[in-house]
Amino acid sequence: MSWTQVLPVNELTPGTRKVVKVSDKNILLINHEGNYYAVANSCPHLKLPIKKGKITEDGSIVCPFHRSAFDLKTGEPTEWITWPPLMSKAMGMISKQQCLPVFPTKVEDYQIWVEV
């Protein structure tokens, strides 16, 4: 694993997000309440993009497609496939819970770095 410089901090103001490519990975960078998070930009359920997911008060990102939610710090699921309501239970049995990959971040010299 190695650190890669990805963005100047002024390009990721609080409440914003941006997808960057590091090696062969699409990584979603998020500035949530002044903290920087880096997660895979694909929900582990169906590999659909998670960039437009809602950030909850408890610090989770919610997949806009099936509403699985993942802790931004750990990637652990806090909800698993809650949409659509009548099919979510069956879909949850077919696809077991998985973590959203997270990547360490740091800021040095006003630059955001990600370890991949």
PDB file of N, CA and C in Angstrom:
ATOM      1  N   MET A   1       0.844  -1.176   0.000  1.00  0.00           N
ATOM      2  CA  MET A   1       0.000   0.000   0.000  1.00  0.00           C
ATOM      3  C   MET A   1       0.886   1.236   0.000  1.00  0.00           C
ATOM      4  N   SER A   2       0.434   2.261  -0.746  1.00  0.00           N
ATOM      5  CA  SER A   2       1.218   3.483  -0.803  1.00  0.00           C
ATOM      6  C   SER A   2       0.299   4.698  -0.813  1.00  0.00           C
ATOM      7  N   TRP A   3       0.853   5.818  -0.385  1.00  0.00           N
ATOM      8  CA  TRP A   3       0.108   7.070  -0.340  1.00  0.00           C
ATOM      9  C   TRP A   3       0.179   7.757  -1.696  1.00  0.00           C
ATOM     10  N   THR A   4      -0.968   8.310  -2.121  1.00  0.00           N
ATOM     11  CA  THR A   4      -1.059   9.034  -3.381  1.00  0.00           C
ATOM     12  C   THR A   4      -1.716  10.383  -3.127  1.00  0.00           C
ATOM     13  N   GLN A   5      -1.085  11.442  -3.624  1.00  0.00           N
ATOM     14  CA  GLN A   5      -1.664  12.775  -3.530  1.00  0.00           C
ATOM     15  C   GLN A   5      -2.812  12.862  -4.532  1.00  0.00           C
ATOM     16  N   VAL A   6      -4.004  13.288  -4.062  1.00  0.00           N
ATOM     17  CA  VAL A   6      -5.164  13.266  -4.950  1.00  0.00           C
ATOM     18  C   VAL A   6      -5.774  14.635  -5.239  1.00  0.00           C
ATOM     19  N   LEU A   7      -5.796  15.535  -4.270  1.00  0.00           N
ATOM     20  CA  LEU A   7      -6.463  16.835  -4.456  1.00  0.00           C
ATOM     21  C   LEU A   7      -5.925  17.878  -3.496  1.00  0.00           C
ATOM     22  N   PRO A   8      -5.908  19.140  -3.916  1.00  0.00           N
ATOM     23  CA  PRO A   8      -5.679  20.209  -2.939  1.00  0.00           C
ATOM     24  C   PRO A   8      -6.911  20.315  -2.028  1.00  0.00           C
ATOM     25  N   VAL A   9      -6.709  20.648  -0.764  1.00  0.00           N
ATOM     26  CA  VAL A   9      -7.838  20.715   0.181  1.00  0.00           C
ATOM     27  C   VAL A   9      -8.891  21.734  -0.242  1.00  0.00           C
ATOM     28  N   ASN A  10      -8.488  22.802  -0.928  1.00  0.00           N
ATOM     29  CA  ASN A  10      -9.472  23.820  -1.321  1.00  0.00           C
ATOM     30  C   ASN A  10     -10.413  23.329  -2.426  1.00  0.00           C
ATOM     31  N   GLU A  11     -10.160  22.174  -3.009  1.00  0.00           N
ATOM     32  CA  GLU A  11     -11.066  21.603  -4.012  1.00  0.00           C
ATOM     33  C   GLU A  11     -12.098  20.666  -3.391  1.00  0.00           C
ATOM     34  N   LEU A  12     -12.022  20.468  -2.071  1.00  0.00           N
ATOM     35  CA  LEU A  12     -12.988  19.604  -1.392  1.00  0.00           C
ATOM     36  C   LEU A  12     -13.467  20.320  -0.129  1.00  0.00           C
ATOM     37  N   THR A  13     -14.317  21.309  -0.330  1.00  0.00           N
ATOM     38  CA  THR A  13     -14.829  22.103   0.781  1.00  0.00           C
ATOM     39  C   THR A  13     -15.855  21.290   1.577  1.00  0.00           C
ATOM     40  N   PRO A  14     -16.160  21.694   2.820  1.00  0.00           N
ATOM     41  CA  PRO A  14     -17.120  20.939   3.631  1.00  0.00           C
ATOM     42  C   PRO A  14     -18.443  20.723   2.891  1.00  0.00           C
ATOM     43  N   GLY A  15     -18.921  19.485   2.962  1.00  0.00           N
ATOM     44  CA  GLY A  15     -20.178  19.114   2.325  1.00  0.00           C
ATOM     45  C   GLY A  15     -20.045  18.693   0.873  1.00  0.00           C
ATOM     46  N   THR A  16     -18.819  18.676   0.353  1.00  0.00           N
ATOM     47  CA  THR A  16     -18.648  18.295  -1.048  1.00  0.00           C
ATOM     48  C   THR A  16     -18.023  16.914  -1.155  1.00  0.00           C
ATOM     49  N   ARG A  17     -18.055  16.400  -2.377  1.00  0.00           N
ATOM     50  CA  ARG A  17     -17.466  15.097  -2.662  1.00  0.00           C
ATOM     51  C   ARG A  17     -16.969  15.091  -4.095  1.00  0.00           C
ATOM     52  N   LYS A  18     -16.020  14.211  -4.352  1.00  0.00           N
ATOM     53  CA  LYS A  18     -15.434  14.120  -5.682  1.00  0.00           C
ATOM     54  C   LYS A  18     -14.862  12.729  -5.892  1.00  0.00           C
ATOM     55  N   VAL A  19     -15.035  12.197  -7.103  1.00  0.00           N
ATOM     56  CA  VAL A  19     -14.476  10.891  -7.436  1.00  0.00           C
ATOM     57  C   VAL A  19     -13.113  11.111  -8.092  1.00  0.00           C
ATOM     58  N   VAL A  20     -12.119  10.382  -7.584  1.00  0.00           N
ATOM     59  CA  VAL A  20     -10.769  10.420  -8.156  1.00  0.00           C
ATOM     60  C   VAL A  20     -10.361   8.998  -8.510  1.00  0.00           C
ATOM     61  N   LYS A  21      -9.458   8.893  -9.446  1.00  0.00           N
ATOM     62  CA  LYS A  21      -8.939   7.575  -9.840  1.00  0.00           C
ATOM     63  C   LYS A  21      -7.550   7.424  -9.222  1.00  0.00           C
ATOM     64  N   VAL A  22      -7.369   6.362  -8.460  1.00  0.00           N
ATOM     65  CA  VAL A  22      -6.070   6.052  -7.864  1.00  0.00           C
ATOM     66  C   VAL A  22      -5.764   4.610  -8.246  1.00  0.00           C
ATOM     67  N   SER A  23      -4.657   4.429  -8.944  1.00  0.00           N
ATOM     68  CA  SER A  23      -4.333   3.129  -9.534  1.00  0.00           C
ATOM     69  C   SER A  23      -5.500   2.732 -10.419  1.00  0.00           C
ATOM     70  N   ASP A  24      -6.122   1.608 -10.150  1.00  0.00           N
ATOM     71  CA  ASP A  24      -7.264   1.185 -10.964  1.00  0.00           C
ATOM     72  C   ASP A  24      -8.583   1.347 -10.217  1.00  0.00           C
ATOM     73  N   LYS A  25      -8.590   2.144  -9.140  1.00  0.00           N
ATOM     74  CA  LYS A  25      -9.774   2.273  -8.295  1.00  0.00           C
ATOM     75  C   LYS A  25     -10.423   3.650  -8.437  1.00  0.00           C
ATOM     76  N   ASN A  26     -11.756   3.665  -8.524  1.00  0.00           N
ATOM     77  CA  ASN A  26     -12.514   4.910  -8.439  1.00  0.00           C
ATOM     78  C   ASN A  26     -12.843   5.129  -6.973  1.00  0.00           C
ATOM     79  N   ILE A  27     -12.284   6.193  -6.426  1.00  0.00           N
ATOM     80  CA  ILE A  27     -12.423   6.470  -4.997  1.00  0.00           C
ATOM     81  C   ILE A  27     -13.238   7.744  -4.812  1.00  0.00           C
ATOM     82  N   LEU A  28     -14.236   7.652  -3.942  1.00  0.00           N
ATOM     83  CA  LEU A  28     -15.065   8.792  -3.610  1.00  0.00           C
ATOM     84  C   LEU A  28     -14.463   9.494  -2.401  1.00  0.00           C
ATOM     85  N   LEU A  29     -14.062  10.747  -2.595  1.00  0.00           N
ATOM     86  CA  LEU A  29     -13.568  11.578  -1.490  1.00  0.00           C
ATOM     87  C   LEU A  29     -14.728  12.415  -0.981  1.00  0.00           C
ATOM     88  N   ILE A  30     -14.868  12.471   0.329  1.00  0.00           N
ATOM     89  CA  ILE A  30     -15.967  13.208   0.955  1.00  0.00           C
ATOM     90  C   ILE A  30     -15.403  14.087   2.058  1.00  0.00           C
ATOM     91  N   ASN A  31     -15.828  15.348   2.075  1.00  0.00           N
ATOM     92  CA  ASN A  31     -15.538  16.233   3.197  1.00  0.00           C
ATOM     93  C   ASN A  31     -16.835  16.351   3.974  1.00  0.00           C
ATOM     94  N   HIS A  32     -16.920  15.607   5.063  1.00  0.00           N
ATOM     95  CA  HIS A  32     -18.113  15.611   5.908  1.00  0.00           C
ATOM     96  C   HIS A  32     -17.756  16.240   7.241  1.00  0.00           C
ATOM     97  N   GLU A  33     -18.337  17.407   7.487  1.00  0.00           N
ATOM     98  CA  GLU A  33     -18.111  18.146   8.735  1.00  0.00           C
ATOM     99  C   GLU A  33     -16.631  18.390   8.993  1.00  0.00           C
ATOM    100  N   GLY A  34     -15.886  18.688   7.933  1.00  0.00           N
ATOM    101  CA  GLY A  34     -14.468  19.009   8.070  1.00  0.00           C
ATOM    102  C   GLY A  34     -13.541  17.814   8.149  1.00  0.00           C
ATOM    103  N   ASN A  35     -14.091  16.605   8.074  1.00  0.00           N
ATOM    104  CA  ASN A  35     -13.268  15.395   8.061  1.00  0.00           C
ATOM    105  C   ASN A  35     -13.254  14.822   6.656  1.00  0.00           C
ATOM    106  N   TYR A  36     -12.107  14.296   6.256  1.00  0.00           N
ATOM    107  CA  TYR A  36     -11.960  13.718   4.924  1.00  0.00           C
ATOM    108  C   TYR A  36     -12.089  12.205   4.989  1.00  0.00           C
ATOM    109  N   TYR A  37     -12.920  11.672   4.090  1.00  0.00           N
ATOM    110  CA  TYR A  37     -13.132  10.233   4.002  1.00  0.00           C
ATOM    111  C   TYR A  37     -12.886   9.805   2.561  1.00  0.00           C
ATOM    112  N   ALA A  38     -12.373   8.610   2.390  1.00  0.00           N
ATOM    113  CA  ALA A  38     -12.164   8.030   1.063  1.00  0.00           C
ATOM    114  C   ALA A  38     -12.749   6.626   1.081  1.00  0.00           C
ATOM    115  N   VAL A  39     -13.707   6.402   0.195  1.00  0.00           N
ATOM    116  CA  VAL A  39     -14.376   5.097   0.100  1.00  0.00           C
ATOM    117  C   VAL A  39     -14.454   4.693  -1.365  1.00  0.00           C
ATOM    118  N   ALA A  40     -14.636   3.408  -1.598  1.00  0.00           N
ATOM    119  CA  ALA A  40     -14.846   2.942  -2.968  1.00  0.00           C
ATOM    120  C   ALA A  40     -16.124   3.587  -3.503  1.00  0.00           C
ATOM    121  N   ASN A  41     -16.102   3.987  -4.762  1.00  0.00           N
ATOM    122  CA  ASN A  41     -17.290   4.608  -5.342  1.00  0.00           C
ATOM    123  C   ASN A  41     -18.232   3.566  -5.936  1.00  0.00           C
ATOM    124  N   SER A  42     -18.333   2.428  -5.307  1.00  0.00           N
ATOM    125  CA  SER A  42     -19.307   1.435  -5.750  1.00  0.00           C
ATOM    126  C   SER A  42     -19.833   0.673  -4.537  1.00  0.00           C
ATOM    127  N   CYS A  43     -21.139   0.599  -4.462  1.00  0.00           N
ATOM    128  CA  CYS A  43     -21.779  -0.139  -3.379  1.00  0.00           C
ATOM    129  C   CYS A  43     -21.409  -1.612  -3.516  1.00  0.00           C
ATOM    130  N   PRO A  44     -21.041  -2.287  -2.442  1.00  0.00           N
ATOM    131  CA  PRO A  44     -20.653  -3.692  -2.552  1.00  0.00           C
ATOM    132  C   PRO A  44     -21.806  -4.621  -2.939  1.00  0.00           C
ATOM    133  N   HIS A  45     -23.032  -4.149  -2.874  1.00  0.00           N
ATOM    134  CA  HIS A  45     -24.178  -4.997  -3.224  1.00  0.00           C
ATOM    135  C   HIS A  45     -24.209  -5.313  -4.721  1.00  0.00           C
ATOM    136  N   LEU A  46     -24.356  -4.279  -5.575  1.00  0.00           N
ATOM    137  CA  LEU A  46     -24.421  -4.498  -7.022  1.00  0.00           C
ATOM    138  C   LEU A  46     -23.364  -3.699  -7.780  1.00  0.00           C
ATOM    139  N   LYS A  47     -22.407  -3.139  -7.064  1.00  0.00           N
ATOM    140  CA  LYS A  47     -21.307  -2.367  -7.657  1.00  0.00           C
ATOM    141  C   LYS A  47     -21.783  -1.098  -8.363  1.00  0.00           C
ATOM    142  N   LEU A  48     -22.939  -0.567  -7.967  1.00  0.00           N
ATOM    143  CA  LEU A  48     -23.448   0.670  -8.538  1.00  0.00           C
ATOM    144  C   LEU A  48     -22.796   1.864  -7.843  1.00  0.00           C
ATOM    145  N   PRO A  49     -22.658   3.010  -8.544  1.00  0.00           N
ATOM    146  CA  PRO A  49     -21.982   4.169  -7.950  1.00  0.00           C
ATOM    147  C   PRO A  49     -22.700   4.679  -6.707  1.00  0.00           C
ATOM    148  N   ILE A  50     -21.913   5.088  -5.729  1.00  0.00           N
ATOM    149  CA  ILE A  50     -22.468   5.544  -4.458  1.00  0.00           C
ATOM    150  C   ILE A  50     -22.281   7.050  -4.268  1.00  0.00           C
ATOM    151  N   LYS A  51     -21.707   7.726  -5.264  1.00  0.00           N
ATOM    152  CA  LYS A  51     -21.377   9.151  -5.157  1.00  0.00           C
ATOM    153  C   LYS A  51     -22.557  10.015  -4.725  1.00  0.00           C
ATOM    154  N   LYS A  52     -23.739   9.750  -5.210  1.00  0.00           N
ATOM    155  CA  LYS A  52     -24.892  10.596  -4.908  1.00  0.00           C
ATOM    156  C   LYS A  52     -25.632  10.158  -3.650  1.00  0.00           C
ATOM    157  N   GLY A  53     -25.043   9.242  -2.885  1.00  0.00           N
ATOM    158  CA  GLY A  53     -25.686   8.766  -1.666  1.00  0.00           C
ATOM    159  C   GLY A  53     -25.777   9.844  -0.603  1.00  0.00           C
ATOM    160  N   LYS A  54     -26.846   9.785   0.170  1.00  0.00           N
ATOM    161  CA  LYS A  54     -27.063  10.721   1.271  1.00  0.00           C
ATOM    162  C   LYS A  54     -26.105  10.391   2.421  1.00  0.00           C
ATOM    163  N   ILE A  55     -25.599  11.439   3.067  1.00  0.00           N
ATOM    164  CA  ILE A  55     -24.801  11.263   4.288  1.00  0.00           C
ATOM    165  C   ILE A  55     -25.745  11.476   5.465  1.00  0.00           C
ATOM    166  N   THR A  56     -25.803  10.496   6.355  1.00  0.00           N
ATOM    167  CA  THR A  56     -26.713  10.573   7.500  1.00  0.00           C
ATOM    168  C   THR A  56     -26.062  11.308   8.671  1.00  0.00           C
ATOM    169  N   GLU A  57     -26.876  11.635   9.665  1.00  0.00           N
ATOM    170  CA  GLU A  57     -26.377  12.315  10.858  1.00  0.00           C
ATOM    171  C   GLU A  57     -25.354  11.474  11.615  1.00  0.00           C
ATOM    172  N   ASP A  58     -25.477  10.148  11.534  1.00  0.00           N
ATOM    173  CA  ASP A  58     -24.539   9.285  12.261  1.00  0.00           C
ATOM    174  C   ASP A  58     -23.255   9.015  11.475  1.00  0.00           C
ATOM    175  N   GLY A  59     -23.083   9.665  10.302  1.00  0.00           N
ATOM    176  CA  GLY A  59     -21.847   9.511   9.546  1.00  0.00           C
ATOM    177  C   GLY A  59     -21.809   8.295   8.643  1.00  0.00           C
ATOM    178  N   SER A  60     -22.958   7.910   8.107  1.00  0.00           N
ATOM    179  CA  SER A  60     -23.028   6.815   7.145  1.00  0.00           C
ATOM    180  C   SER A  60     -23.379   7.381   5.778  1.00  0.00           C
ATOM    181  N   ILE A  61     -22.966   6.681   4.727  1.00  0.00           N
ATOM    182  CA  ILE A  61     -23.396   7.027   3.380  1.00  0.00           C
ATOM    183  C   ILE A  61     -24.397   5.972   2.932  1.00  0.00           C
ATOM    184  N   VAL A  62     -25.499   6.430   2.332  1.00  0.00           N
ATOM    185  CA  VAL A  62     -26.593   5.551   1.935  1.00  0.00           C
ATOM    186  C   VAL A  62     -26.574   5.391   0.421  1.00  0.00           C
ATOM    187  N   CYS A  63     -26.525   4.147  -0.039  1.00  0.00           N
ATOM    188  CA  CYS A  63     -26.565   3.867  -1.470  1.00  0.00           C
ATOM    189  C   CYS A  63     -27.883   4.381  -2.044  1.00  0.00           C
ATOM    190  N   PRO A  64     -27.830   5.167  -3.129  1.00  0.00           N
ATOM    191  CA  PRO A  64     -29.068   5.716  -3.685  1.00  0.00           C
ATOM    192  C   PRO A  64     -29.937   4.679  -4.397  1.00  0.00           C
ATOM    193  N   PHE A  65     -29.454   3.468  -4.586  1.00  0.00           N
ATOM    194  CA  PHE A  65     -30.208   2.462  -5.339  1.00  0.00           C
ATOM    195  C   PHE A  65     -31.005   1.512  -4.439  1.00  0.00           C
ATOM    196  N   HIS A  66     -30.359   0.879  -3.468  1.00  0.00           N
ATOM    197  CA  HIS A  66     -31.063  -0.075  -2.604  1.00  0.00           C
ATOM    198  C   HIS A  66     -31.001   0.306  -1.126  1.00  0.00           C
ATOM    199  N   ARG A  67     -30.475   1.492  -0.866  1.00  0.00           N
ATOM    200  CA  ARG A  67     -30.463   2.107   0.463  1.00  0.00           C
ATOM    201  C   ARG A  67     -29.662   1.359   1.513  1.00  0.00           C
ATOM    202  N   SER A  68     -28.694   0.589   1.090  1.00  0.00           N
ATOM    203  CA  SER A  68     -27.744   0.059   2.065  1.00  0.00           C
ATOM    204  C   SER A  68     -26.936   1.251   2.586  1.00  0.00           C
ATOM    205  N   ALA A  69     -26.569   1.212   3.854  1.00  0.00           N
ATOM    206  CA  ALA A  69     -25.832   2.325   4.460  1.00  0.00           C
ATOM    207  C   ALA A  69     -24.531   1.799   5.053  1.00  0.00           C
ATOM    208  N   PHE A  70     -23.479   2.621   4.962  1.00  0.00           N
ATOM    209  CA  PHE A  70     -22.146   2.209   5.401  1.00  0.00           C
ATOM    210  C   PHE A  70     -21.495   3.316   6.209  1.00  0.00           C
ATOM    211  N   ASP A  71     -20.884   2.935   7.316  1.00  0.00           N
ATOM    212  CA  ASP A  71     -20.149   3.872   8.155  1.00  0.00           C
ATOM    213  C   ASP A  71     -18.966   4.423   7.359  1.00  0.00           C
ATOM    214  N   LEU A  72     -18.833   5.745   7.298  1.00  0.00           N
ATOM    215  CA  LEU A  72     -17.746   6.352   6.524  1.00  0.00           C
ATOM    216  C   LEU A  72     -16.362   6.046   7.097  1.00  0.00           C
ATOM    217  N   LYS A  73     -16.275   5.822   8.404  1.00  0.00           N
ATOM    218  CA  LYS A  73     -14.971   5.557   9.030  1.00  0.00           C
ATOM    219  C   LYS A  73     -14.515   4.114   8.830  1.00  0.00           C
ATOM    220  N   THR A  74     -15.454   3.182   8.939  1.00  0.00           N
ATOM    221  CA  THR A  74     -15.070   1.759   8.947  1.00  0.00           C
ATOM    222  C   THR A  74     -15.530   0.988   7.708  1.00  0.00           C
ATOM    223  N   GLY A  75     -16.542   1.502   7.026  1.00  0.00           N
ATOM    224  CA  GLY A  75     -17.120   0.782   5.895  1.00  0.00           C
ATOM    225  C   GLY A  75     -18.132  -0.276   6.300  1.00  0.00           C
ATOM    226  N   GLU A  76     -18.320  -0.482   7.596  1.00  0.00           N
ATOM    227  CA  GLU A  76     -19.272  -1.488   8.087  1.00  0.00           C
ATOM    228  C   GLU A  76     -20.698  -1.105   7.696  1.00  0.00           C
ATOM    229  N   PRO A  77     -21.498  -2.081   7.270  1.00  0.00           N
ATOM    230  CA  PRO A  77     -22.894  -1.768   6.951  1.00  0.00           C
ATOM    231  C   PRO A  77     -23.680  -1.421   8.211  1.00  0.00           C
ATOM    232  N   THR A  78     -24.444  -0.336   8.132  1.00  0.00           N
ATOM    233  CA  THR A  78     -25.353   0.021   9.223  1.00  0.00           C
ATOM    234  C   THR A  78     -26.792  -0.336   8.843  1.00  0.00           C
ATOM    235  N   GLU A  79     -27.046  -0.519   7.549  1.00  0.00           N
ATOM    236  CA  GLU A  79     -28.308  -1.021   6.992  1.00  0.00           C
ATOM    237  C   GLU A  79     -27.930  -1.843   5.775  1.00  0.00           C
ATOM    238  N   TRP A  80     -28.723  -2.855   5.461  1.00  0.00           N
ATOM    239  CA  TRP A  80     -28.409  -3.683   4.286  1.00  0.00           C
ATOM    240  C   TRP A  80     -29.661  -3.875   3.441  1.00  0.00           C
ATOM    241  N   ILE A  81     -29.646  -3.360   2.255  1.00  0.00           N
ATOM    242  CA  ILE A  81     -30.695  -3.500   1.234  1.00  0.00           C
ATOM    243  C   ILE A  81     -32.097  -3.297   1.837  1.00  0.00           C
ATOM    244  N   THR A  82     -32.479  -2.050   1.974  1.00  0.00           N
ATOM    245  CA  THR A  82     -33.807  -1.756   2.520  1.00  0.00           C
ATOM    246  C   THR A  82     -34.797  -1.336   1.442  1.00  0.00           C
ATOM    247  N   TRP A  83     -34.373  -1.332   0.182  1.00  0.00           N
ATOM    248  CA  TRP A  83     -35.242  -0.906  -0.917  1.00  0.00           C
ATOM    249  C   TRP A  83     -35.138  -1.868  -2.077  1.00  0.00           C
ATOM    250  N   PRO A  84     -36.161  -2.205  -2.789  1.00  0.00           N
ATOM    251  CA  PRO A  84     -37.565  -1.870  -2.549  1.00  0.00           C
ATOM    252  C   PRO A  84     -38.126  -2.673  -1.380  1.00  0.00           C
ATOM    253  N   PRO A  85     -39.107  -2.113  -0.682  1.00  0.00           N
ATOM    254  CA  PRO A  85     -39.587  -2.710   0.562  1.00  0.00           C
ATOM    255  C   PRO A  85     -39.999  -4.182   0.457  1.00  0.00           C
ATOM    256  N   LEU A  86     -40.741  -4.565  -0.544  1.00  0.00           N
ATOM    257  CA  LEU A  86     -41.237  -5.937  -0.613  1.00  0.00           C
ATOM    258  C   LEU A  86     -40.174  -6.928  -1.068  1.00  0.00           C
ATOM    259  N   MET A  87     -39.185  -6.463  -1.775  1.00  0.00           N
ATOM    260  CA  MET A  87     -38.155  -7.364  -2.302  1.00  0.00           C
ATOM    261  C   MET A  87     -36.853  -7.315  -1.505  1.00  0.00           C
ATOM    262  N   SER A  88     -36.711  -6.339  -0.632  1.00  0.00           N
ATOM    263  CA  SER A  88     -35.431  -6.146   0.039  1.00  0.00           C
ATOM    264  C   SER A  88     -35.009  -7.352   0.883  1.00  0.00           C
ATOM    265  N   LYS A  89     -35.945  -7.998   1.546  1.00  0.00           N
ATOM    266  CA  LYS A  89     -35.596  -9.166   2.369  1.00  0.00           C
ATOM    267  C   LYS A  89     -35.017 -10.286   1.501  1.00  0.00           C
ATOM    268  N   ALA A  90     -35.664 -10.570   0.376  1.00  0.00           N
ATOM    269  CA  ALA A  90     -35.171 -11.612  -0.535  1.00  0.00           C
ATOM    270  C   ALA A  90     -33.819 -11.219  -1.129  1.00  0.00           C
ATOM    271  N   MET A  91     -33.691  -9.953  -1.526  1.00  0.00           N
ATOM    272  CA  MET A  91     -32.418  -9.487  -2.092  1.00  0.00           C
ATOM    273  C   MET A  91     -31.301  -9.565  -1.057  1.00  0.00           C
ATOM    274  N   GLY A  92     -31.651  -9.288   0.198  1.00  0.00           N
ATOM    275  CA  GLY A  92     -30.669  -9.373   1.273  1.00  0.00           C
ATOM    276  C   GLY A  92     -30.200 -10.789   1.530  1.00  0.00           C
ATOM    277  N   MET A  93     -31.082 -11.770   1.317  1.00  0.00           N
ATOM    278  CA  MET A  93     -30.688 -13.166   1.500  1.00  0.00           C
ATOM    279  C   MET A  93     -29.796 -13.647   0.357  1.00  0.00           C
ATOM    280  N   ILE A  94     -30.018 -13.113  -0.835  1.00  0.00           N
ATOM    281  CA  ILE A  94     -29.210 -13.498  -1.996  1.00  0.00           C
ATOM    282  C   ILE A  94     -27.805 -12.907  -1.897  1.00  0.00           C
ATOM    283  N   SER A  95     -27.719 -11.699  -1.439  1.00  0.00           N
ATOM    284  CA  SER A  95     -26.437 -10.992  -1.360  1.00  0.00           C
ATOM    285  C   SER A  95     -26.129 -10.688   0.101  1.00  0.00           C
ATOM    286  N   LYS A  96     -25.202 -11.442   0.701  1.00  0.00           N
ATOM    287  CA  LYS A  96     -24.900 -11.244   2.121  1.00  0.00           C
ATOM    288  C   LYS A  96     -24.199  -9.905   2.349  1.00  0.00           C
ATOM    289  N   GLN A  97     -24.300  -9.414   3.563  1.00  0.00           N
ATOM    290  CA  GLN A  97     -23.712  -8.124   3.917  1.00  0.00           C
ATOM    291  C   GLN A  97     -22.223  -8.086   3.617  1.00  0.00           C
ATOM    292  N   GLN A  98     -21.811  -6.957   3.087  1.00  0.00           N
ATOM    293  CA  GLN A  98     -20.399  -6.728   2.798  1.00  0.00           C
ATOM    294  C   GLN A  98     -20.039  -5.314   3.218  1.00  0.00           C
ATOM    295  N   CYS A  99     -18.783  -5.110   3.542  1.00  0.00           N
ATOM    296  CA  CYS A  99     -18.304  -3.780   3.901  1.00  0.00           C
ATOM    297  C   CYS A  99     -18.000  -2.965   2.655  1.00  0.00           C
ATOM    298  N   LEU A 100     -18.150  -1.671   2.770  1.00  0.00           N
ATOM    299  CA  LEU A 100     -17.720  -0.735   1.742  1.00  0.00           C
ATOM    300  C   LEU A 100     -16.227  -0.499   1.963  1.00  0.00           C
ATOM    301  N   PRO A 101     -15.381  -0.714   0.957  1.00  0.00           N
ATOM    302  CA  PRO A 101     -13.950  -0.472   1.155  1.00  0.00           C
ATOM    303  C   PRO A 101     -13.675   0.999   1.509  1.00  0.00           C
ATOM    304  N   VAL A 102     -12.884   1.191   2.545  1.00  0.00           N
ATOM    305  CA  VAL A 102     -12.459   2.534   2.951  1.00  0.00           C
ATOM    306  C   VAL A 102     -10.941   2.621   2.840  1.00  0.00           C
ATOM    307  N   PHE A 103     -10.453   3.838   2.638  1.00  0.00           N
ATOM    308  CA  PHE A 103      -9.024   4.064   2.471  1.00  0.00           C
ATOM    309  C   PHE A 103      -8.588   5.176   3.409  1.00  0.00           C
ATOM    310  N   PRO A 104      -7.438   5.010   4.068  1.00  0.00           N
ATOM    311  CA  PRO A 104      -6.944   6.058   4.964  1.00  0.00           C
ATOM    312  C   PRO A 104      -6.666   7.351   4.183  1.00  0.00           C
ATOM    313  N   THR A 105      -6.907   8.480   4.852  1.00  0.00           N
ATOM    314  CA  THR A 105      -6.602   9.785   4.268  1.00  0.00           C
ATOM    315  C   THR A 105      -5.703  10.560   5.212  1.00  0.00           C
ATOM    316  N   LYS A 106      -4.979  11.519   4.652  1.00  0.00           N
ATOM    317  CA  LYS A 106      -4.204  12.452   5.460  1.00  0.00           C
ATOM    318  C   LYS A 106      -4.076  13.749   4.672  1.00  0.00           C
ATOM    319  N   VAL A 107      -3.772  14.824   5.384  1.00  0.00           N
ATOM    320  CA  VAL A 107      -3.533  16.113   4.747  1.00  0.00           C
ATOM    321  C   VAL A 107      -2.114  16.544   5.081  1.00  0.00           C
ATOM    322  N   GLU A 108      -1.358  16.854   4.033  1.00  0.00           N
ATOM    323  CA  GLU A 108       0.006  17.379   4.183  1.00  0.00           C
ATOM    324  C   GLU A 108       0.189  18.499   3.183  1.00  0.00           C
ATOM    325  N   ASP A 109       0.708  19.636   3.644  1.00  0.00           N
ATOM    326  CA  ASP A 109       0.969  20.779   2.769  1.00  0.00           C
ATOM    327  C   ASP A 109      -0.251  21.143   1.930  1.00  0.00           C
ATOM    328  N   TYR A 110      -1.431  21.168   2.565  1.00  0.00           N
ATOM    329  CA  TYR A 110      -2.691  21.547   1.923  1.00  0.00           C
ATOM    330  C   TYR A 110      -3.102  20.614   0.778  1.00  0.00           C
ATOM    331  N   GLN A 111      -2.618  19.380   0.836  1.00  0.00           N
ATOM    332  CA  GLN A 111      -2.982  18.377  -0.161  1.00  0.00           C
ATOM    333  C   GLN A 111      -3.618  17.182   0.553  1.00  0.00           C
ATOM    334  N   ILE A 112      -4.635  16.603  -0.078  1.00  0.00           N
ATOM    335  CA  ILE A 112      -5.272  15.390   0.452  1.00  0.00           C
ATOM    336  C   ILE A 112      -4.560  14.199  -0.166  1.00  0.00           C
ATOM    337  N   TRP A 113      -4.195  13.259   0.695  1.00  0.00           N
ATOM    338  CA  TRP A 113      -3.527  12.030   0.279  1.00  0.00           C
ATOM    339  C   TRP A 113      -4.407  10.836   0.638  1.00  0.00           C
ATOM    340  N   VAL A 114      -4.367   9.801  -0.174  1.00  0.00           N
ATOM    341  CA  VAL A 114      -5.117   8.571   0.079  1.00  0.00           C
ATOM    342  C   VAL A 114      -4.143   7.403   0.010  1.00  0.00           C
ATOM    343  N   GLU A 115      -4.286   6.473   0.945  1.00  0.00           N
ATOM    344  CA  GLU A 115      -3.459   5.261   0.924  1.00  0.00           C
ATOM    345  C   GLU A 115      -4.250   4.126   0.287  1.00  0.00           C
ATOM    346  N   VAL A 116      -3.695   3.594  -0.802  1.00  0.00           N
ATOM    347  CA  VAL A 116      -4.347   2.487  -1.521  1.00  0.00           C
ATOM    348  C   VAL A 116      -3.403   1.316  -1.561  1.00  0.00           C
TER     349      VAL A 116
END
